[in-house]
mmCIF file of all heavy atoms, coordinates in Angstrom:
data_MODEL
# 
_entry.id   MODEL 
# 
loop_
_atom_site.group_PDB 
_atom_site.id 
_atom_site.type_symbol 
_atom_site.label_atom_id 
_atom_site.label_alt_id 
_atom_site.label_comp_id 
_atom_site.label_asym_id 
_atom_site.label_entity_id 
_atom_site.label_seq_id 
_atom_site.pdbx_PDB_ins_code 
_atom_site.Cartn_x 
_atom_site.Cartn_y 
_atom_site.Cartn_z 
_atom_site.occupancy 
_atom_site.B_iso_or_equiv 
_atom_site.pdbx_formal_charge 
_atom_site.auth_seq_id 
_atom_site.auth_comp_id 
_atom_site.auth_asym_id 
_atom_site.auth_atom_id 
_atom_site.pdbx_PDB_model_num 
ATOM 1   N N   . TRP A 1 1  ? -96.025  61.916 112.714 1.00 0.00 ? 1  TRP A N   1 
ATOM 2   C CA  . TRP A 1 1  ? -95.865  61.278 114.028 1.00 0.00 ? 1  TRP A CA  1 
ATOM 3   C C   . TRP A 1 1  ? -97.143  60.554 114.440 1.00 0.00 ? 1  TRP A C   1 
ATOM 4   O O   . TRP A 1 1  ? -97.091  59.495 115.071 1.00 0.00 ? 1  TRP A O   1 
ATOM 5   C CB  . TRP A 1 1  ? -95.426  62.285 115.090 1.00 0.00 ? 1  TRP A CB  1 
ATOM 6   C CG  . TRP A 1 1  ? -93.962  62.529 115.046 1.00 0.00 ? 1  TRP A CG  1 
ATOM 7   C CD1 . TRP A 1 1  ? -93.329  63.672 114.643 1.00 0.00 ? 1  TRP A CD1 1 
ATOM 8   C CD2 . TRP A 1 1  ? -92.921  61.596 115.367 1.00 0.00 ? 1  TRP A CD2 1 
ATOM 9   N NE1 . TRP A 1 1  ? -91.963  63.499 114.705 1.00 0.00 ? 1  TRP A NE1 1 
ATOM 10  C CE2 . TRP A 1 1  ? -91.689  62.237 115.152 1.00 0.00 ? 1  TRP A CE2 1 
ATOM 11  C CE3 . TRP A 1 1  ? -92.916  60.282 115.819 1.00 0.00 ? 1  TRP A CE3 1 
ATOM 12  C CZ2 . TRP A 1 1  ? -90.464  61.611 115.368 1.00 0.00 ? 1  TRP A CZ2 1 
ATOM 13  C CZ3 . TRP A 1 1  ? -91.694  59.652 116.037 1.00 0.00 ? 1  TRP A CZ3 1 
ATOM 14  C CH2 . TRP A 1 1  ? -90.488  60.318 115.812 1.00 0.00 ? 1  TRP A CH2 1 
ATOM 15  N N   . ALA A 1 2  ? -98.293  61.105 114.099 1.00 0.00 ? 2  ALA A N   1 
ATOM 16  C CA  . ALA A 1 2  ? -99.549  60.413 114.394 1.00 0.00 ? 2  ALA A CA  1 
ATOM 17  C C   . ALA A 1 2  ? -99.606  59.088 113.643 1.00 0.00 ? 2  ALA A C   1 
ATOM 18  O O   . ALA A 1 2  ? -100.046 58.068 114.196 1.00 0.00 ? 2  ALA A O   1 
ATOM 19  C CB  . ALA A 1 2  ? -100.745 61.292 114.033 1.00 0.00 ? 2  ALA A CB  1 
ATOM 20  N N   . LEU A 1 3  ? -99.142  59.070 112.414 1.00 0.00 ? 3  LEU A N   1 
ATOM 21  C CA  . LEU A 1 3  ? -99.117  57.826 111.640 1.00 0.00 ? 3  LEU A CA  1 
ATOM 22  C C   . LEU A 1 3  ? -98.204  56.795 112.292 1.00 0.00 ? 3  LEU A C   1 
ATOM 23  O O   . LEU A 1 3  ? -98.574  55.627 112.446 1.00 0.00 ? 3  LEU A O   1 
ATOM 24  C CB  . LEU A 1 3  ? -98.673  58.098 110.202 1.00 0.00 ? 3  LEU A CB  1 
ATOM 25  C CG  . LEU A 1 3  ? -98.592  56.871 109.281 1.00 0.00 ? 3  LEU A CG  1 
ATOM 26  C CD1 . LEU A 1 3  ? -99.960  56.206 109.148 1.00 0.00 ? 3  LEU A CD1 1 
ATOM 27  C CD2 . LEU A 1 3  ? -98.047  57.265 107.922 1.00 0.00 ? 3  LEU A CD2 1 
ATOM 28  N N   . VAL A 1 4  ? -97.019  57.212 112.700 1.00 0.00 ? 4  VAL A N   1 
ATOM 29  C CA  . VAL A 1 4  ? -96.075  56.288 113.351 1.00 0.00 ? 4  VAL A CA  1 
ATOM 30  C C   . VAL A 1 4  ? -96.695  55.704 114.617 1.00 0.00 ? 4  VAL A C   1 
ATOM 31  O O   . VAL A 1 4  ? -96.685  54.481 114.830 1.00 0.00 ? 4  VAL A O   1 
ATOM 32  C CB  . VAL A 1 4  ? -94.744  57.006 113.676 1.00 0.00 ? 4  VAL A CB  1 
ATOM 33  C CG1 . VAL A 1 4  ? -93.885  56.183 114.624 1.00 0.00 ? 4  VAL A CG1 1 
ATOM 34  C CG2 . VAL A 1 4  ? -93.984  57.328 112.398 1.00 0.00 ? 4  VAL A CG2 1 
ATOM 35  N N   . TRP A 1 5  ? -97.259  56.567 115.471 1.00 0.00 ? 5  TRP A N   1 
ATOM 36  C CA  . TRP A 1 5  ? -97.814  56.074 116.734 1.00 0.00 ? 5  TRP A CA  1 
ATOM 37  C C   . TRP A 1 5  ? -99.102  55.280 116.532 1.00 0.00 ? 5  TRP A C   1 
ATOM 38  O O   . TRP A 1 5  ? -99.413  54.395 117.332 1.00 0.00 ? 5  TRP A O   1 
ATOM 39  C CB  . TRP A 1 5  ? -98.001  57.229 117.715 1.00 0.00 ? 5  TRP A CB  1 
ATOM 40  C CG  . TRP A 1 5  ? -96.686  57.603 118.308 1.00 0.00 ? 5  TRP A CG  1 
ATOM 41  C CD1 . TRP A 1 5  ? -95.920  58.690 118.009 1.00 0.00 ? 5  TRP A CD1 1 
ATOM 42  C CD2 . TRP A 1 5  ? -95.926  56.836 119.249 1.00 0.00 ? 5  TRP A CD2 1 
ATOM 43  N NE1 . TRP A 1 5  ? -94.746  58.658 118.717 1.00 0.00 ? 5  TRP A NE1 1 
ATOM 44  C CE2 . TRP A 1 5  ? -94.723  57.530 119.490 1.00 0.00 ? 5  TRP A CE2 1 
ATOM 45  C CE3 . TRP A 1 5  ? -96.143  55.626 119.912 1.00 0.00 ? 5  TRP A CE3 1 
ATOM 46  C CZ2 . TRP A 1 5  ? -93.754  57.064 120.368 1.00 0.00 ? 5  TRP A CZ2 1 
ATOM 47  C CZ3 . TRP A 1 5  ? -95.168  55.163 120.789 1.00 0.00 ? 5  TRP A CZ3 1 
ATOM 48  C CH2 . TRP A 1 5  ? -93.998  55.880 121.010 1.00 0.00 ? 5  TRP A CH2 1 
ATOM 49  N N   . LEU A 1 6  ? -99.843  55.564 115.482 1.00 0.00 ? 6  LEU A N   1 
ATOM 50  C CA  . LEU A 1 6  ? -101.017 54.742 115.169 1.00 0.00 ? 6  LEU A CA  1 
ATOM 51  C C   . LEU A 1 6  ? -100.582 53.329 114.828 1.00 0.00 ? 6  LEU A C   1 
ATOM 52  O O   . LEU A 1 6  ? -101.163 52.346 115.317 1.00 0.00 ? 6  LEU A O   1 
ATOM 53  C CB  . LEU A 1 6  ? -101.810 55.340 114.009 1.00 0.00 ? 6  LEU A CB  1 
ATOM 54  C CG  . LEU A 1 6  ? -102.993 54.496 113.518 1.00 0.00 ? 6  LEU A CG  1 
ATOM 55  C CD1 . LEU A 1 6  ? -104.065 54.420 114.591 1.00 0.00 ? 6  LEU A CD1 1 
ATOM 56  C CD2 . LEU A 1 6  ? -103.551 55.057 112.233 1.00 0.00 ? 6  LEU A CD2 1 
ATOM 57  N N   . ILE A 1 7  ? -99.551  53.194 114.015 1.00 0.00 ? 7  ILE A N   1 
ATOM 58  C CA  . ILE A 1 7  ? -99.049  51.867 113.659 1.00 0.00 ? 7  ILE A CA  1 
ATOM 59  C C   . ILE A 1 7  ? -98.569  51.128 114.902 1.00 0.00 ? 7  ILE A C   1 
ATOM 60  O O   . ILE A 1 7  ? -98.904  49.954 115.110 1.00 0.00 ? 7  ILE A O   1 
ATOM 61  C CB  . ILE A 1 7  ? -97.929  51.980 112.600 1.00 0.00 ? 7  ILE A CB  1 
ATOM 62  C CG1 . ILE A 1 7  ? -98.520  52.467 111.267 1.00 0.00 ? 7  ILE A CG1 1 
ATOM 63  C CG2 . ILE A 1 7  ? -97.203  50.657 112.415 1.00 0.00 ? 7  ILE A CG2 1 
ATOM 64  C CD1 . ILE A 1 7  ? -97.490  52.900 110.239 1.00 0.00 ? 7  ILE A CD1 1 
ATOM 65  N N   . VAL A 1 8  ? -97.804  51.819 115.748 1.00 0.00 ? 8  VAL A N   1 
ATOM 66  C CA  . VAL A 1 8  ? -97.323  51.200 116.992 1.00 0.00 ? 8  VAL A CA  1 
ATOM 67  C C   . VAL A 1 8  ? -98.505  50.769 117.862 1.00 0.00 ? 8  VAL A C   1 
ATOM 68  O O   . VAL A 1 8  ? -98.547  49.640 118.357 1.00 0.00 ? 8  VAL A O   1 
ATOM 69  C CB  . VAL A 1 8  ? -96.397  52.167 117.770 1.00 0.00 ? 8  VAL A CB  1 
ATOM 70  C CG1 . VAL A 1 8  ? -96.115  51.662 119.174 1.00 0.00 ? 8  VAL A CG1 1 
ATOM 71  C CG2 . VAL A 1 8  ? -95.102  52.393 117.003 1.00 0.00 ? 8  VAL A CG2 1 
ATOM 72  N N   . GLY A 1 9  ? -99.467  51.660 118.057 1.00 0.00 ? 9  GLY A N   1 
ATOM 73  C CA  . GLY A 1 9  ? -100.625 51.350 118.891 1.00 0.00 ? 9  GLY A CA  1 
ATOM 74  C C   . GLY A 1 9  ? -101.445 50.198 118.362 1.00 0.00 ? 9  GLY A C   1 
ATOM 75  O O   . GLY A 1 9  ? -101.870 49.316 119.126 1.00 0.00 ? 9  GLY A O   1 
ATOM 76  N N   . VAL A 1 10 ? -101.673 50.172 117.067 1.00 0.00 ? 10 VAL A N   1 
ATOM 77  C CA  . VAL A 1 10 ? -102.459 49.088 116.466 1.00 0.00 ? 10 VAL A CA  1 
ATOM 78  C C   . VAL A 1 10 ? -101.711 47.760 116.573 1.00 0.00 ? 10 VAL A C   1 
ATOM 79  O O   . VAL A 1 10 ? -102.304 46.730 116.924 1.00 0.00 ? 10 VAL A O   1 
ATOM 80  C CB  . VAL A 1 10 ? -102.832 49.411 115.003 1.00 0.00 ? 10 VAL A CB  1 
ATOM 81  C CG1 . VAL A 1 10 ? -103.380 48.197 114.286 1.00 0.00 ? 10 VAL A CG1 1 
ATOM 82  C CG2 . VAL A 1 10 ? -103.838 50.548 114.974 1.00 0.00 ? 10 VAL A CG2 1 
ATOM 83  N N   . LEU A 1 11 ? -100.410 47.770 116.291 1.00 0.00 ? 11 LEU A N   1 
ATOM 84  C CA  . LEU A 1 11 ? -99.631  46.533 116.403 1.00 0.00 ? 11 LEU A CA  1 
ATOM 85  C C   . LEU A 1 11 ? -99.628  46.011 117.838 1.00 0.00 ? 11 LEU A C   1 
ATOM 86  O O   . LEU A 1 11 ? -99.725  44.797 118.063 1.00 0.00 ? 11 LEU A O   1 
ATOM 87  C CB  . LEU A 1 11 ? -98.201  46.741 115.903 1.00 0.00 ? 11 LEU A CB  1 
ATOM 88  C CG  . LEU A 1 11 ? -98.057  46.936 114.397 1.00 0.00 ? 11 LEU A CG  1 
ATOM 89  C CD1 . LEU A 1 11 ? -96.605  47.260 114.030 1.00 0.00 ? 11 LEU A CD1 1 
ATOM 90  C CD2 . LEU A 1 11 ? -98.542  45.711 113.633 1.00 0.00 ? 11 LEU A CD2 1 
ATOM 91  N N   . LEU A 1 12 ? -99.529  46.902 118.794 1.00 0.00 ? 12 LEU A N   1 
ATOM 92  C CA  . LEU A 1 12 ? -99.579  46.469 120.195 1.00 0.00 ? 12 LEU A CA  1 
ATOM 93  C C   . LEU A 1 12 ? -100.963 45.956 120.576 1.00 0.00 ? 12 LEU A C   1 
ATOM 94  O O   . LEU A 1 12 ? -101.088 44.993 121.326 1.00 0.00 ? 12 LEU A O   1 
ATOM 95  C CB  . LEU A 1 12 ? -99.172  47.615 121.123 1.00 0.00 ? 12 LEU A CB  1 
ATOM 96  C CG  . LEU A 1 12 ? -97.691  47.953 121.157 1.00 0.00 ? 12 LEU A CG  1 
ATOM 97  C CD1 . LEU A 1 12 ? -97.458  49.233 121.936 1.00 0.00 ? 12 LEU A CD1 1 
ATOM 98  C CD2 . LEU A 1 12 ? -96.894  46.803 121.754 1.00 0.00 ? 12 LEU A CD2 1 
ATOM 99  N N   . THR A 1 13 ? -101.998 46.590 120.066 1.00 0.00 ? 13 THR A N   1 
ATOM 100 C CA  . THR A 1 13 ? -103.366 46.206 120.402 1.00 0.00 ? 13 THR A CA  1 
ATOM 101 C C   . THR A 1 13 ? -103.714 44.822 119.851 1.00 0.00 ? 13 THR A C   1 
ATOM 102 O O   . THR A 1 13 ? -104.546 44.122 120.429 1.00 0.00 ? 13 THR A O   1 
ATOM 103 C CB  . THR A 1 13 ? -104.357 47.272 119.878 1.00 0.00 ? 13 THR A CB  1 
ATOM 104 O OG1 . THR A 1 13 ? -103.985 48.529 120.431 1.00 0.00 ? 13 THR A OG1 1 
ATOM 105 C CG2 . THR A 1 13 ? -105.772 46.963 120.275 1.00 0.00 ? 13 THR A CG2 1 
ATOM 106 N N   . ILE A 1 14 ? -103.078 44.420 118.779 1.00 0.00 ? 14 ILE A N   1 
ATOM 107 C CA  . ILE A 1 14 ? -103.345 43.112 118.181 1.00 0.00 ? 14 ILE A CA  1 
ATOM 108 C C   . ILE A 1 14 ? -103.004 41.978 119.148 1.00 0.00 ? 14 ILE A C   1 
ATOM 109 O O   . ILE A 1 14 ? -103.693 40.969 119.200 1.00 0.00 ? 14 ILE A O   1 
ATOM 110 C CB  . ILE A 1 14 ? -102.575 42.955 116.850 1.00 0.00 ? 14 ILE A CB  1 
ATOM 111 C CG1 . ILE A 1 14 ? -103.156 43.892 115.810 1.00 0.00 ? 14 ILE A CG1 1 
ATOM 112 C CG2 . ILE A 1 14 ? -102.616 41.519 116.363 1.00 0.00 ? 14 ILE A CG2 1 
ATOM 113 C CD1 . ILE A 1 14 ? -102.355 43.963 114.525 1.00 0.00 ? 14 ILE A CD1 1 
ATOM 114 N N   . THR A 1 15 ? -101.950 42.183 119.934 1.00 0.00 ? 15 THR A N   1 
ATOM 115 C CA  . THR A 1 15 ? -101.569 41.149 120.907 1.00 0.00 ? 15 THR A CA  1 
ATOM 116 C C   . THR A 1 15 ? -102.324 41.384 122.205 1.00 0.00 ? 15 THR A C   1 
ATOM 117 O O   . THR A 1 15 ? -102.627 42.527 122.581 1.00 0.00 ? 15 THR A O   1 
ATOM 118 C CB  . THR A 1 15 ? -100.052 41.187 121.185 1.00 0.00 ? 15 THR A CB  1 
ATOM 119 O OG1 . THR A 1 15 ? -99.743  42.401 121.859 1.00 0.00 ? 15 THR A OG1 1 
ATOM 120 C CG2 . THR A 1 15 ? -99.255  41.069 119.907 1.00 0.00 ? 15 THR A CG2 1 
ATOM 121 N N   . LEU A 1 16 ? -102.633 40.326 122.903 1.00 0.00 ? 16 LEU A N   1 
ATOM 122 C CA  . LEU A 1 16 ? -103.404 40.433 124.145 1.00 0.00 ? 16 LEU A CA  1 
ATOM 123 C C   . LEU A 1 16 ? -102.643 41.230 125.201 1.00 0.00 ? 16 LEU A C   1 
ATOM 124 O O   . LEU A 1 16 ? -103.184 42.128 125.830 1.00 0.00 ? 16 LEU A O   1 
ATOM 125 C CB  . LEU A 1 16 ? -103.739 39.027 124.679 1.00 0.00 ? 16 LEU A CB  1 
ATOM 126 C CG  . LEU A 1 16 ? -104.669 38.979 125.875 1.00 0.00 ? 16 LEU A CG  1 
ATOM 127 C CD1 . LEU A 1 16 ? -105.975 39.671 125.563 1.00 0.00 ? 16 LEU A CD1 1 
ATOM 128 C CD2 . LEU A 1 16 ? -104.902 37.541 126.283 1.00 0.00 ? 16 LEU A CD2 1 
ATOM 129 N N   . ILE A 1 17 ? -101.383 40.931 125.377 1.00 0.00 ? 17 ILE A N   1 
ATOM 130 C CA  . ILE A 1 17 ? -100.582 41.628 126.384 1.00 0.00 ? 17 ILE A CA  1 
ATOM 131 C C   . ILE A 1 17 ? -100.334 43.076 125.941 1.00 0.00 ? 17 ILE A C   1 
ATOM 132 O O   . ILE A 1 17 ? -100.404 44.012 126.740 1.00 0.00 ? 17 ILE A O   1 
ATOM 133 C CB  . ILE A 1 17 ? -99.238  40.903 126.624 1.00 0.00 ? 17 ILE A CB  1 
ATOM 134 C CG1 . ILE A 1 17 ? -99.519  39.539 127.232 1.00 0.00 ? 17 ILE A CG1 1 
ATOM 135 C CG2 . ILE A 1 17 ? -98.323  41.723 127.513 1.00 0.00 ? 17 ILE A CG2 1 
ATOM 136 C CD1 . ILE A 1 17 ? -98.311  38.636 127.340 1.00 0.00 ? 17 ILE A CD1 1 
ATOM 137 N N   . GLY A 1 18 ? -100.069 43.276 124.666 1.00 0.00 ? 18 GLY A N   1 
ATOM 138 C CA  . GLY A 1 18 ? -99.795  44.616 124.149 1.00 0.00 ? 18 GLY A CA  1 
ATOM 139 C C   . GLY A 1 18 ? -101.004 45.530 124.161 1.00 0.00 ? 18 GLY A C   1 
ATOM 140 O O   . GLY A 1 18 ? -100.866 46.744 124.145 1.00 0.00 ? 18 GLY A O   1 
ATOM 141 N N   . ALA A 1 19 ? -102.214 44.938 124.216 1.00 0.00 ? 19 ALA A N   1 
ATOM 142 C CA  . ALA A 1 19 ? -103.431 45.746 124.228 1.00 0.00 ? 19 ALA A CA  1 
ATOM 143 C C   . ALA A 1 19 ? -103.476 46.644 125.456 1.00 0.00 ? 19 ALA A C   1 
ATOM 144 O O   . ALA A 1 19 ? -104.023 47.750 125.409 1.00 0.00 ? 19 ALA A O   1 
ATOM 145 C CB  . ALA A 1 19 ? -104.665 44.857 124.176 1.00 0.00 ? 19 ALA A CB  1 
ATOM 146 N N   . VAL A 1 20 ? -102.861 46.184 126.542 1.00 0.00 ? 20 VAL A N   1 
ATOM 147 C CA  . VAL A 1 20 ? -102.822 46.985 127.769 1.00 0.00 ? 20 VAL A CA  1 
ATOM 148 C C   . VAL A 1 20 ? -102.041 48.279 127.531 1.00 0.00 ? 20 VAL A C   1 
ATOM 149 O O   . VAL A 1 20 ? -102.325 49.305 128.128 1.00 0.00 ? 20 VAL A O   1 
ATOM 150 C CB  . VAL A 1 20 ? -102.191 46.167 128.925 1.00 0.00 ? 20 VAL A CB  1 
ATOM 151 C CG1 . VAL A 1 20 ? -102.009 46.996 130.172 1.00 0.00 ? 20 VAL A CG1 1 
ATOM 152 C CG2 . VAL A 1 20 ? -103.026 44.929 129.204 1.00 0.00 ? 20 VAL A CG2 1 
ATOM 153 N N   . ILE A 1 21 ? -101.082 48.224 126.646 1.00 0.00 ? 21 ILE A N   1 
ATOM 154 C CA  . ILE A 1 21 ? -100.288 49.403 126.313 1.00 0.00 ? 21 ILE A CA  1 
ATOM 155 C C   . ILE A 1 21 ? -100.837 50.088 125.061 1.00 0.00 ? 21 ILE A C   1 
ATOM 156 O O   . ILE A 1 21 ? -100.887 51.312 124.979 1.00 0.00 ? 21 ILE A O   1 
ATOM 157 C CB  . ILE A 1 21 ? -98.808  49.016 126.078 1.00 0.00 ? 21 ILE A CB  1 
ATOM 158 C CG1 . ILE A 1 21 ? -98.232  48.410 127.355 1.00 0.00 ? 21 ILE A CG1 1 
ATOM 159 C CG2 . ILE A 1 21 ? -97.983  50.210 125.632 1.00 0.00 ? 21 ILE A CG2 1 
ATOM 160 C CD1 . ILE A 1 21 ? -96.888  47.752 127.155 1.00 0.00 ? 21 ILE A CD1 1 
ATOM 161 N N   . GLY A 1 22 ? -101.262 49.303 124.081 1.00 0.00 ? 22 GLY A N   1 
ATOM 162 C CA  . GLY A 1 22 ? -101.700 49.843 122.794 1.00 0.00 ? 22 GLY A CA  1 
ATOM 163 C C   . GLY A 1 22 ? -102.944 50.701 122.878 1.00 0.00 ? 22 GLY A C   1 
ATOM 164 O O   . GLY A 1 22 ? -103.015 51.762 122.248 1.00 0.00 ? 22 GLY A O   1 
ATOM 165 N N   . VAL A 1 23 ? -103.929 50.279 123.650 1.00 0.00 ? 23 VAL A N   1 
ATOM 166 C CA  . VAL A 1 23 ? -105.175 51.051 123.753 1.00 0.00 ? 23 VAL A CA  1 
ATOM 167 C C   . VAL A 1 23 ? -104.923 52.425 124.384 1.00 0.00 ? 23 VAL A C   1 
ATOM 168 O O   . VAL A 1 23 ? -105.372 53.437 123.840 1.00 0.00 ? 23 VAL A O   1 
ATOM 169 C CB  . VAL A 1 23 ? -106.262 50.249 124.502 1.00 0.00 ? 23 VAL A CB  1 
ATOM 170 C CG1 . VAL A 1 23 ? -107.467 51.123 124.800 1.00 0.00 ? 23 VAL A CG1 1 
ATOM 171 C CG2 . VAL A 1 23 ? -106.671 49.027 123.685 1.00 0.00 ? 23 VAL A CG2 1 
ATOM 172 N N   . PRO A 1 24 ? -104.181 52.495 125.507 1.00 0.00 ? 24 PRO A N   1 
ATOM 173 C CA  . PRO A 1 24 ? -103.883 53.839 126.036 1.00 0.00 ? 24 PRO A CA  1 
ATOM 174 C C   . PRO A 1 24 ? -103.078 54.702 125.062 1.00 0.00 ? 24 PRO A C   1 
ATOM 175 O O   . PRO A 1 24 ? -103.284 55.918 124.994 1.00 0.00 ? 24 PRO A O   1 
ATOM 176 C CB  . PRO A 1 24 ? -103.071 53.564 127.304 1.00 0.00 ? 24 PRO A CB  1 
ATOM 177 C CG  . PRO A 1 24 ? -103.480 52.201 127.722 1.00 0.00 ? 24 PRO A CG  1 
ATOM 178 C CD  . PRO A 1 24 ? -103.761 51.464 126.444 1.00 0.00 ? 24 PRO A CD  1 
ATOM 179 N N   . ILE A 1 25 ? -102.177 54.085 124.299 1.00 0.00 ? 25 ILE A N   1 
ATOM 180 C CA  . ILE A 1 25 ? -101.423 54.847 123.297 1.00 0.00 ? 25 ILE A CA  1 
ATOM 181 C C   . ILE A 1 25 ? -102.387 55.468 122.293 1.00 0.00 ? 25 ILE A C   1 
ATOM 182 O O   . ILE A 1 25 ? -102.273 56.647 121.949 1.00 0.00 ? 25 ILE A O   1 
ATOM 183 C CB  . ILE A 1 25 ? -100.378 53.962 122.580 1.00 0.00 ? 25 ILE A CB  1 
ATOM 184 C CG1 . ILE A 1 25 ? -99.190  53.702 123.500 1.00 0.00 ? 25 ILE A CG1 1 
ATOM 185 C CG2 . ILE A 1 25 ? -99.905  54.616 121.277 1.00 0.00 ? 25 ILE A CG2 1 
ATOM 186 C CD1 . ILE A 1 25 ? -98.165  52.729 122.936 1.00 0.00 ? 25 ILE A CD1 1 
ATOM 187 N N   . LEU A 1 26 ? -103.355 54.687 121.829 1.00 0.00 ? 26 LEU A N   1 
ATOM 188 C CA  . LEU A 1 26 ? -104.312 55.198 120.845 1.00 0.00 ? 26 LEU A CA  1 
ATOM 189 C C   . LEU A 1 26 ? -105.200 56.288 121.438 1.00 0.00 ? 26 LEU A C   1 
ATOM 190 O O   . LEU A 1 26 ? -105.512 57.275 120.763 1.00 0.00 ? 26 LEU A O   1 
ATOM 191 C CB  . LEU A 1 26 ? -105.146 54.052 120.291 1.00 0.00 ? 26 LEU A CB  1 
ATOM 192 C CG  . LEU A 1 26 ? -104.355 53.017 119.475 1.00 0.00 ? 26 LEU A CG  1 
ATOM 193 C CD1 . LEU A 1 26 ? -105.239 51.836 119.106 1.00 0.00 ? 26 LEU A CD1 1 
ATOM 194 C CD2 . LEU A 1 26 ? -103.731 53.647 118.239 1.00 0.00 ? 26 LEU A CD2 1 
ATOM 195 N N   . LEU A 1 27 ? -105.598 56.119 122.705 1.00 0.00 ? 27 LEU A N   1 
ATOM 196 C CA  . LEU A 1 27 ? -106.411 57.149 123.356 1.00 0.00 ? 27 LEU A CA  1 
ATOM 197 C C   . LEU A 1 27 ? -105.629 58.453 123.509 1.00 0.00 ? 27 LEU A C   1 
ATOM 198 O O   . LEU A 1 27 ? -106.135 59.538 123.210 1.00 0.00 ? 27 LEU A O   1 
ATOM 199 C CB  . LEU A 1 27 ? -106.897 56.660 124.724 1.00 0.00 ? 27 LEU A CB  1 
ATOM 200 C CG  . LEU A 1 27 ? -107.914 55.523 124.695 1.00 0.00 ? 27 LEU A CG  1 
ATOM 201 C CD1 . LEU A 1 27 ? -108.154 54.988 126.103 1.00 0.00 ? 27 LEU A CD1 1 
ATOM 202 C CD2 . LEU A 1 27 ? -109.208 55.977 124.055 1.00 0.00 ? 27 LEU A CD2 1 
ATOM 203 N N   . LEU A 1 28 ? -104.395 58.333 123.975 1.00 0.00 ? 28 LEU A N   1 
ATOM 204 C CA  . LEU A 1 28 ? -103.549 59.519 124.126 1.00 0.00 ? 28 LEU A CA  1 
ATOM 205 C C   . LEU A 1 28 ? -103.236 60.155 122.772 1.00 0.00 ? 28 LEU A C   1 
ATOM 206 O O   . LEU A 1 28 ? -103.165 61.382 122.649 1.00 0.00 ? 28 LEU A O   1 
ATOM 207 C CB  . LEU A 1 28 ? -102.253 59.163 124.848 1.00 0.00 ? 28 LEU A CB  1 
ATOM 208 C CG  . LEU A 1 28 ? -102.403 58.852 126.338 1.00 0.00 ? 28 LEU A CG  1 
ATOM 209 C CD1 . LEU A 1 28 ? -101.091 58.306 126.904 1.00 0.00 ? 28 LEU A CD1 1 
ATOM 210 C CD2 . LEU A 1 28 ? -102.857 60.078 127.094 1.00 0.00 ? 28 LEU A CD2 1 
# 
């Protein structure tokens, strides 16, 4: 599950708008 959410978080962080969601996902 950590691997799945890491991929989701990194993919979101790549986009400017998704970074707002991706960075908190990675922190959590």
